[in-house]
Amino acid sequence: MTAPSSFGRKIFSLVIIALLSTLAYLTLFSDGLGKAPDLIIGETKLSKPLKPVLVNFWATSCPGCITEMPELAKIKNKFGDKFEIISVSMNYDPETQVKNFIAKNPYPFTFVRDTKGEIAKAFGDILLTPTSFLIAPNGNIVYRKIGEVDFHIVEEKVQQMTPDL
């Protein structure tokens, strides 16, 4: 077996430098996971919410959605008015089921029915629940998860965006 050629080592080095440069650019200069859509839900303008906002798409037929809500409530209670959660029920979820669930579970966040699917479409045609987006005060999406929320990650990111708490 012969040692790699000098040309091969140079190519390998260039590939490594290109990968590291791309990573540095994406870390320092990109918008992360993109910008939040320019929607107003309640009193919150998602493209510039001025405080961290977690948008959580859910359905009454989704066991993971129901399981994560008490934990979401704990995070909301911990950060209070410095953090917002908007729970968006999917357009296929029957209105009666959604209303009954909300009446039986008065969680400390805003519930919105996406009757026409417009909110789900604005976030990239969300079909699966739960799906969550954490939006920074400047409107950048800093966390996206299909499936149950990683509570420790969300809590850590909210803490970083609200350091005075």
Protein backbone atom coordinates (compact mmCIF):
# COMPACT_ATOMS: atom_id res chain seq x y z
CA MET A 1 0.00 0.00 0.00
CA THR A 2 1.41 3.37 -0.98
CA ALA A 3 1.10 6.69 0.81
CA PRO A 4 -1.55 9.10 -0.52
CA SER A 5 -0.28 11.39 -3.21
CA SER A 6 0.50 15.01 -2.54
CA PHE A 7 -2.34 15.97 -4.89
CA GLY A 8 -4.83 13.84 -2.92
CA ARG A 9 -3.77 15.47 0.38
CA LYS A 10 -4.25 18.92 -1.14
CA ILE A 11 -7.75 18.07 -2.37
CA PHE A 12 -8.65 16.63 1.03
CA SER A 13 -7.34 19.77 2.75
CA LEU A 14 -9.37 22.02 0.42
CA VAL A 15 -12.53 20.03 1.11
CA ILE A 16 -11.99 20.35 4.88
CA ILE A 17 -11.33 24.10 4.59
CA ALA A 18 -14.47 24.54 2.46
CA LEU A 19 -16.61 22.62 4.97
CA LEU A 20 -15.22 24.61 7.92
CA SER A 21 -15.74 27.89 6.07
CA THR A 22 -19.35 26.98 5.27
CA LEU A 23 -19.98 26.03 8.89
CA ALA A 24 -18.46 29.31 10.12
CA TYR A 25 -20.58 31.33 7.68
CA LEU A 26 -23.79 29.55 8.63
CA THR A 27 -23.02 29.97 12.33
CA LEU A 28 -22.08 33.65 12.18
CA PHE A 29 -24.06 35.18 9.34
CA SER A 30 -27.16 33.17 8.54
CA ASP A 31 -30.69 33.57 9.91
CA GLY A 32 -30.46 30.13 11.48
CA LEU A 33 -33.66 28.28 10.67
CA GLY A 34 -35.18 31.21 8.80
CA LYS A 35 -37.58 33.97 9.67
CA ALA A 36 -41.00 33.59 11.21
CA PRO A 37 -43.91 34.31 8.88
CA ASP A 38 -45.37 37.80 8.93
CA LEU A 39 -48.53 36.83 10.83
CA ILE A 40 -50.28 38.47 13.74
CA ILE A 41 -51.83 36.04 16.22
CA GLY A 42 -53.67 37.75 19.03
CA GLU A 43 -51.40 40.64 19.97
CA THR A 44 -48.22 38.92 18.78
CA LYS A 45 -46.57 39.78 15.47
CA LEU A 46 -44.55 36.63 14.78
CA SER A 47 -42.04 38.29 12.45
CA LYS A 48 -41.04 40.68 15.28
CA PRO A 49 -42.54 39.38 18.54
CA LEU A 50 -40.21 41.34 20.90
CA LYS A 51 -40.06 38.32 23.24
CA PRO A 52 -39.51 34.59 22.69
CA VAL A 53 -42.59 32.81 21.31
CA LEU A 54 -43.14 29.08 20.94
CA VAL A 55 -45.67 28.22 18.22
CA ASN A 56 -46.93 24.69 18.81
CA PHE A 57 -49.09 22.89 16.24
CA TRP A 58 -51.26 20.23 17.87
CA ALA A 59 -54.38 18.10 17.53
CA THR A 60 -56.71 16.48 20.04
CA SER A 61 -56.07 13.13 18.31
CA CYS A 62 -52.30 13.42 18.90
CA PRO A 63 -51.15 11.66 22.11
CA GLY A 64 -47.75 13.39 22.05
CA CYS A 65 -49.43 16.78 21.79
CA ILE A 66 -51.57 16.14 24.85
CA THR A 67 -48.63 14.70 26.80
CA GLU A 68 -46.39 17.72 26.24
CA MET A 69 -48.90 20.43 27.20
CA PRO A 70 -48.38 20.24 30.99
CA GLU A 71 -44.62 20.60 30.44
CA LEU A 72 -45.18 23.55 28.12
CA ALA A 73 -47.32 25.11 30.85
CA LYS A 74 -44.44 24.71 33.34
CA ILE A 75 -42.07 26.58 31.02
CA LYS A 76 -44.66 29.30 30.43
CA ASN A 77 -45.21 29.69 34.18
CA LYS A 78 -41.47 29.82 34.82
CA PHE A 79 -40.91 32.71 32.39
CA GLY A 80 -44.29 34.41 32.78
CA ASP A 81 -44.88 37.50 30.64
CA LYS A 82 -41.34 37.33 29.21
CA PHE A 83 -42.30 34.32 27.07
CA GLU A 84 -45.34 33.39 24.99
CA ILE A 85 -46.77 30.09 23.79
CA ILE A 86 -49.27 29.95 20.95
CA SER A 87 -50.96 26.56 20.50
CA VAL A 88 -52.39 26.17 17.02
CA SER A 89 -54.96 23.42 16.52
CA MET A 90 -54.92 21.85 13.10
CA ASN A 91 -57.70 22.54 10.61
CA TYR A 92 -58.73 18.87 10.52
CA ASP A 93 -59.36 18.82 14.28
CA PRO A 94 -63.13 18.98 14.98
CA GLU A 95 -64.15 22.29 16.56
CA THR A 96 -66.15 20.62 19.35
CA GLN A 97 -63.20 18.43 20.38
CA VAL A 98 -60.84 21.42 20.46
CA LYS A 99 -63.26 23.54 22.50
CA ASN A 100 -63.90 20.68 24.96
CA PHE A 101 -60.18 20.06 25.40
CA ILE A 102 -59.43 23.75 26.05
CA ALA A 103 -62.36 24.01 28.51
CA LYS A 104 -61.07 21.00 30.48
CA ASN A 105 -57.41 22.11 30.30
CA PRO A 106 -57.02 25.83 30.97
CA TYR A 107 -53.32 26.02 30.16
CA PRO A 108 -51.64 29.43 30.47
CA PHE A 109 -51.13 29.99 26.77
CA THR A 110 -53.00 31.24 23.74
CA PHE A 111 -55.04 28.70 21.82
CA VAL A 112 -55.84 29.40 18.17
CA ARG A 113 -57.89 27.33 15.74
CA ASP A 114 -56.34 27.24 12.27
CA THR A 115 -59.70 26.60 10.57
CA LYS A 116 -58.45 27.30 7.04
CA GLY A 117 -54.93 25.91 7.50
CA GLU A 118 -53.39 29.32 6.78
CA ILE A 119 -51.08 29.34 9.82
CA ALA A 120 -49.84 25.80 9.05
CA LYS A 121 -49.26 26.84 5.43
CA ALA A 122 -47.29 29.95 6.51
CA PHE A 123 -44.94 27.71 8.50
CA GLY A 124 -44.25 25.43 5.53
CA ASP A 125 -47.42 23.34 5.19
CA ILE A 126 -47.30 21.68 8.60
CA LEU A 127 -49.08 18.33 8.50
CA LEU A 128 -47.60 16.41 11.44
CA THR A 129 -48.28 17.09 15.09
CA PRO A 130 -46.80 18.06 17.36
CA THR A 131 -44.58 20.46 15.46
CA SER A 132 -43.06 23.44 17.26
CA PHE A 133 -41.13 26.58 16.38
CA LEU A 134 -39.32 28.82 18.86
CA ILE A 135 -39.11 32.36 17.56
CA ALA A 136 -36.58 34.85 18.94
CA PRO A 137 -37.59 38.44 19.72
CA ASN A 138 -36.07 39.53 16.37
CA GLY A 139 -38.29 37.13 14.41
CA ASN A 140 -35.66 34.47 13.69
CA ILE A 141 -36.68 30.85 14.18
CA VAL A 142 -34.12 29.41 16.59
CA TYR A 143 -35.63 25.97 17.19
CA ARG A 144 -37.83 23.69 15.11
CA LYS A 145 -39.03 20.24 16.10
CA ILE A 146 -41.36 17.70 14.55
CA GLY A 147 -42.37 15.55 17.50
CA GLU A 148 -42.51 16.35 21.18
CA VAL A 149 -40.58 19.41 22.29
CA ASP A 150 -37.10 18.98 23.80
CA PHE A 151 -38.04 20.89 26.94
CA HIS A 152 -34.51 21.39 28.26
CA ILE A 153 -33.38 22.86 24.92
CA VAL A 154 -36.36 25.23 24.68
CA GLU A 155 -35.97 26.30 28.30
CA GLU A 156 -32.25 26.94 27.79
CA LYS A 157 -32.85 28.99 24.63
CA VAL A 158 -35.62 31.04 26.29
CA GLN A 159 -33.32 31.65 29.26
CA GLN A 160 -30.61 32.94 26.89
CA MET A 161 -33.11 35.31 25.27
CA THR A 162 -34.42 36.56 28.64
CA PRO A 163 -31.24 36.81 30.74
CA ASP A 164 -32.76 39.11 33.35
CA LEU A 165 -34.93 36.29 34.76
